[in-house]
Protein backbone atom coordinates (compact mmCIF):
# COMPACT_ATOMS: atom_id res chain seq x y z
CA MET A 1 66.70 79.11 -14.02
CA PHE A 2 65.54 77.40 -10.80
CA ALA A 3 62.02 78.86 -11.28
CA ALA A 4 61.77 77.44 -14.80
CA ALA A 5 62.96 73.98 -13.60
CA GLN A 6 60.54 74.11 -10.71
CA ALA A 7 57.64 75.06 -13.02
CA GLN A 8 58.58 72.29 -15.39
CA SER A 9 58.82 69.83 -12.44
CA GLU A 10 55.42 70.84 -11.11
CA LEU A 11 53.90 70.47 -14.60
CA ARG A 12 55.32 66.93 -14.98
CA LEU A 13 54.14 66.03 -11.48
CA THR A 14 50.66 67.33 -12.24
CA GLN A 15 50.57 65.31 -15.45
CA GLU A 16 51.71 62.18 -13.58
CA LEU A 17 49.08 62.69 -10.90
CA CYS A 18 46.33 63.08 -13.57
CA ALA A 19 47.55 59.97 -15.33
CA LEU A 20 47.55 58.12 -11.94
CA ARG A 21 44.02 59.28 -11.13
CA VAL A 22 42.73 58.02 -14.57
CA GLU A 23 44.46 54.69 -14.04
CA MET A 24 43.07 54.35 -10.46
CA HIS A 25 39.58 55.26 -11.69
CA GLN A 26 39.81 52.55 -14.40
CA GLY A 27 41.24 49.95 -11.97
CA PHE A 28 38.48 50.72 -9.35
CA ALA A 29 35.80 50.39 -12.01
CA ALA A 30 37.18 46.91 -12.90
CA VAL A 31 37.16 45.92 -9.24
CA ARG A 32 33.61 47.16 -8.90
CA GLN A 33 32.54 45.08 -11.87
CA GLU A 34 34.27 42.03 -10.59
CA VAL A 35 32.64 42.36 -7.13
CA ALA A 36 29.21 42.81 -8.79
CA THR A 37 29.79 39.70 -10.92
CA SER A 38 30.85 37.66 -7.82
CA ARG A 39 27.85 38.79 -5.87
CA VAL A 40 25.56 37.58 -8.62
CA ASP A 41 27.32 34.22 -8.64
CA ILE A 42 27.05 33.97 -4.85
CA LEU A 43 23.39 34.74 -5.03
CA LYS A 44 22.81 32.04 -7.75
CA TRP A 45 24.61 29.45 -5.67
CA THR A 46 22.69 30.44 -2.58
CA ILE A 47 19.37 30.07 -4.25
CA ALA A 48 20.43 26.69 -5.78
CA LEU A 49 21.55 25.35 -2.43
CA LEU A 50 18.44 26.68 -0.66
CA ALA A 51 16.24 24.92 -3.21
CA ALA A 52 18.14 21.66 -2.85
CA ASN A 53 17.97 21.93 1.01
CA LEU A 54 14.29 22.66 0.83
CA SER A 55 13.50 19.75 -1.47
CA ALA A 56 15.58 17.42 0.69
CA THR A 57 13.82 18.53 3.87
CA ILE A 58 10.39 18.10 2.18
CA GLY A 59 11.37 14.68 1.04
CA ILE A 60 12.57 13.62 4.50
CA VAL A 61 9.42 14.99 6.13
CA ALA A 62 7.19 13.23 3.60
CA LEU A 63 9.06 9.99 4.16
CA LEU A 64 8.72 10.27 7.96
CA LEU A 65 4.99 11.07 7.59
CA ARG A 66 4.32 7.98 5.41
CA HIS A 67 5.95 5.72 7.99
CA SER A 68 4.17 7.09 10.95
């Protein structure tokens, strides 16, 4: 009787662990996708700010060279 209960308990535990692994795999995939998306957004903002900074620097240097 105890052996049957133990076997049933182990089976249920194994099923729960398998379900947990699947859920964790799906959750980690969602996190990976979110990180990839945020990295792309950060890269876009970095390029935009770099272009703005570069154009402002060129404008200031051009203004200084005109007045020298």
